[in-house]
């Protein structure tokens, strides 16, 4: 079962996404808005990180840069999401994909499945 680490500061959205992902066969670990995302990504070894760009007091773009700077998380696929179209900024910093909120559930599932396909497959 693929493991998704979910970093979303809106509690209701986090619950909805977790439930959707579980129904689609993903194991989901939802982080709290104050969690150290790079450290949790290193410790949990997920298959993919679903990361909101705006996490209350944290900046998802800075988190992405921190992930890319660490050897242990450099290759972790990151699917980013936001209500603002910051796709270019996310992809330039190393995100695998970007989803503009609101998005269709099918688009989320496709992005996550594509992100966890082993390289070279």
Protein backbone atom coordinates (compact mmCIF):
# COMPACT_ATOMS: atom_id res chain seq x y z
CA UNK A 1 0.00 0.00 0.00
CA UNK A 2 1.55 3.34 -1.05
CA UNK A 3 2.26 5.74 1.80
CA UNK A 4 1.30 9.41 1.48
CA UNK A 5 2.54 12.03 3.91
CA UNK A 6 -0.03 14.84 3.92
CA UNK A 7 0.91 18.40 4.94
CA UNK A 8 -2.25 20.54 4.89
CA UNK A 9 -3.09 23.15 7.53
CA UNK A 10 -6.87 23.17 7.02
CA UNK A 11 -8.17 20.45 9.36
CA UNK A 12 -11.33 19.79 7.37
CA UNK A 13 -9.42 19.54 4.07
CA UNK A 14 -6.88 17.26 5.72
CA UNK A 15 -9.64 14.91 6.93
CA UNK A 16 -11.32 14.89 3.52
CA UNK A 17 -8.08 14.21 1.68
CA UNK A 18 -7.09 11.49 4.14
CA UNK A 19 -10.43 9.75 3.74
CA UNK A 20 -10.34 10.01 -0.05
CA UNK A 21 -6.81 8.61 -0.19
CA UNK A 22 -7.67 5.75 2.14
CA UNK A 23 -10.67 4.86 -0.05
CA UNK A 24 -8.31 4.81 -3.04
CA UNK A 25 -5.92 2.39 -1.32
CA UNK A 26 -3.29 4.75 0.05
CA UNK A 27 -1.97 4.72 3.60
CA UNK A 28 -2.10 8.34 4.74
CA UNK A 29 -0.27 10.08 7.55
CA UNK A 30 -1.62 13.61 8.07
CA UNK A 31 0.76 16.04 9.73
CA UNK A 32 -0.22 18.86 12.05
CA UNK A 33 0.44 22.43 10.85
CA UNK A 34 3.32 22.77 13.32
CA UNK A 35 5.16 19.58 12.37
CA UNK A 36 8.66 19.79 10.94
CA UNK A 37 7.77 18.46 7.49
CA UNK A 38 11.33 17.71 6.27
CA UNK A 39 12.13 15.83 9.49
CA UNK A 40 8.87 13.85 9.34
CA UNK A 41 9.49 13.06 5.67
CA UNK A 42 12.92 11.72 6.58
CA UNK A 43 11.60 9.71 9.55
CA UNK A 44 8.45 8.32 7.91
CA UNK A 45 9.93 7.48 4.47
CA UNK A 46 6.68 8.00 2.54
CA UNK A 47 6.29 7.13 -1.13
CA UNK A 48 5.07 10.65 -1.85
CA UNK A 49 4.46 13.93 -0.01
CA UNK A 50 1.25 15.89 -0.67
CA UNK A 51 2.20 19.42 0.39
CA UNK A 52 0.12 22.58 0.61
CA UNK A 53 2.01 25.69 -0.44
CA UNK A 54 0.57 27.78 2.41
CA UNK A 55 0.78 26.00 5.78
CA UNK A 56 -0.20 28.69 8.24
CA UNK A 57 3.15 29.77 9.66
CA UNK A 58 5.17 27.65 7.23
CA UNK A 59 5.91 28.14 3.56
CA UNK A 60 5.59 25.05 1.38
CA UNK A 61 8.12 26.38 -1.14
CA UNK A 62 10.72 26.72 1.62
CA UNK A 63 9.85 23.23 2.84
CA UNK A 64 10.34 21.90 -0.68
CA UNK A 65 13.75 23.59 -0.89
CA UNK A 66 14.73 22.05 2.45
CA UNK A 67 13.66 18.62 1.20
CA UNK A 68 15.74 19.00 -1.94
CA UNK A 69 18.77 20.13 0.09
CA UNK A 70 18.83 16.93 2.20
CA UNK A 71 20.26 13.75 0.75
CA UNK A 72 17.66 11.62 2.58
CA UNK A 73 14.69 13.46 1.00
CA UNK A 74 16.18 14.81 -2.23
CA UNK A 75 14.38 12.24 -4.40
CA UNK A 76 11.07 12.17 -2.51
CA UNK A 77 8.28 12.94 -4.99
CA UNK A 78 6.33 16.00 -3.86
CA UNK A 79 2.89 16.90 -5.20
CA UNK A 80 2.07 20.47 -4.23
CA UNK A 81 -1.33 22.14 -4.03
CA UNK A 82 -2.60 25.66 -3.55
CA UNK A 83 -5.57 27.93 -4.13
CA UNK A 84 -3.20 30.29 -5.96
CA UNK A 85 -1.63 29.35 -9.24
CA UNK A 86 2.01 29.00 -8.22
CA UNK A 87 2.68 26.00 -10.43
CA UNK A 88 5.77 27.53 -12.03
CA UNK A 89 7.37 28.31 -8.67
CA UNK A 90 6.66 24.80 -7.37
CA UNK A 91 7.97 22.98 -10.42
CA UNK A 92 11.08 25.17 -10.59
CA UNK A 93 11.91 24.23 -7.01
CA UNK A 94 11.58 20.51 -7.69
CA UNK A 95 7.96 19.54 -7.16
CA UNK A 96 6.82 16.51 -9.15
CA UNK A 97 3.39 18.03 -9.83
CA UNK A 98 1.11 20.90 -8.86
CA UNK A 99 -2.65 20.91 -8.30
CA UNK A 100 -4.67 24.13 -8.27
CA UNK A 101 -7.44 24.06 -5.65
CA UNK A 102 -10.19 23.16 -6.03
CA UNK A 103 -9.17 20.08 -7.98
CA UNK A 104 -10.92 16.89 -8.98
CA UNK A 105 -10.26 13.79 -6.89
CA UNK A 106 -9.31 11.90 -10.05
CA UNK A 107 -6.59 14.47 -10.83
CA UNK A 108 -5.14 14.06 -7.34
CA UNK A 109 -5.11 10.27 -7.58
CA UNK A 110 -3.48 10.38 -11.04
CA UNK A 111 -0.78 12.77 -9.81
CA UNK A 112 0.01 10.64 -6.76
CA UNK A 113 0.06 7.40 -8.76
CA UNK A 114 2.36 8.95 -11.35
CA UNK A 115 4.67 10.24 -8.61
CA UNK A 116 5.11 6.82 -7.02
CA UNK A 117 5.76 4.85 -10.19
CA UNK A 118 9.33 3.54 -9.87
CA UNK A 119 11.83 5.45 -11.99
CA UNK A 120 12.44 3.76 -15.31
CA UNK A 121 9.03 2.06 -15.41
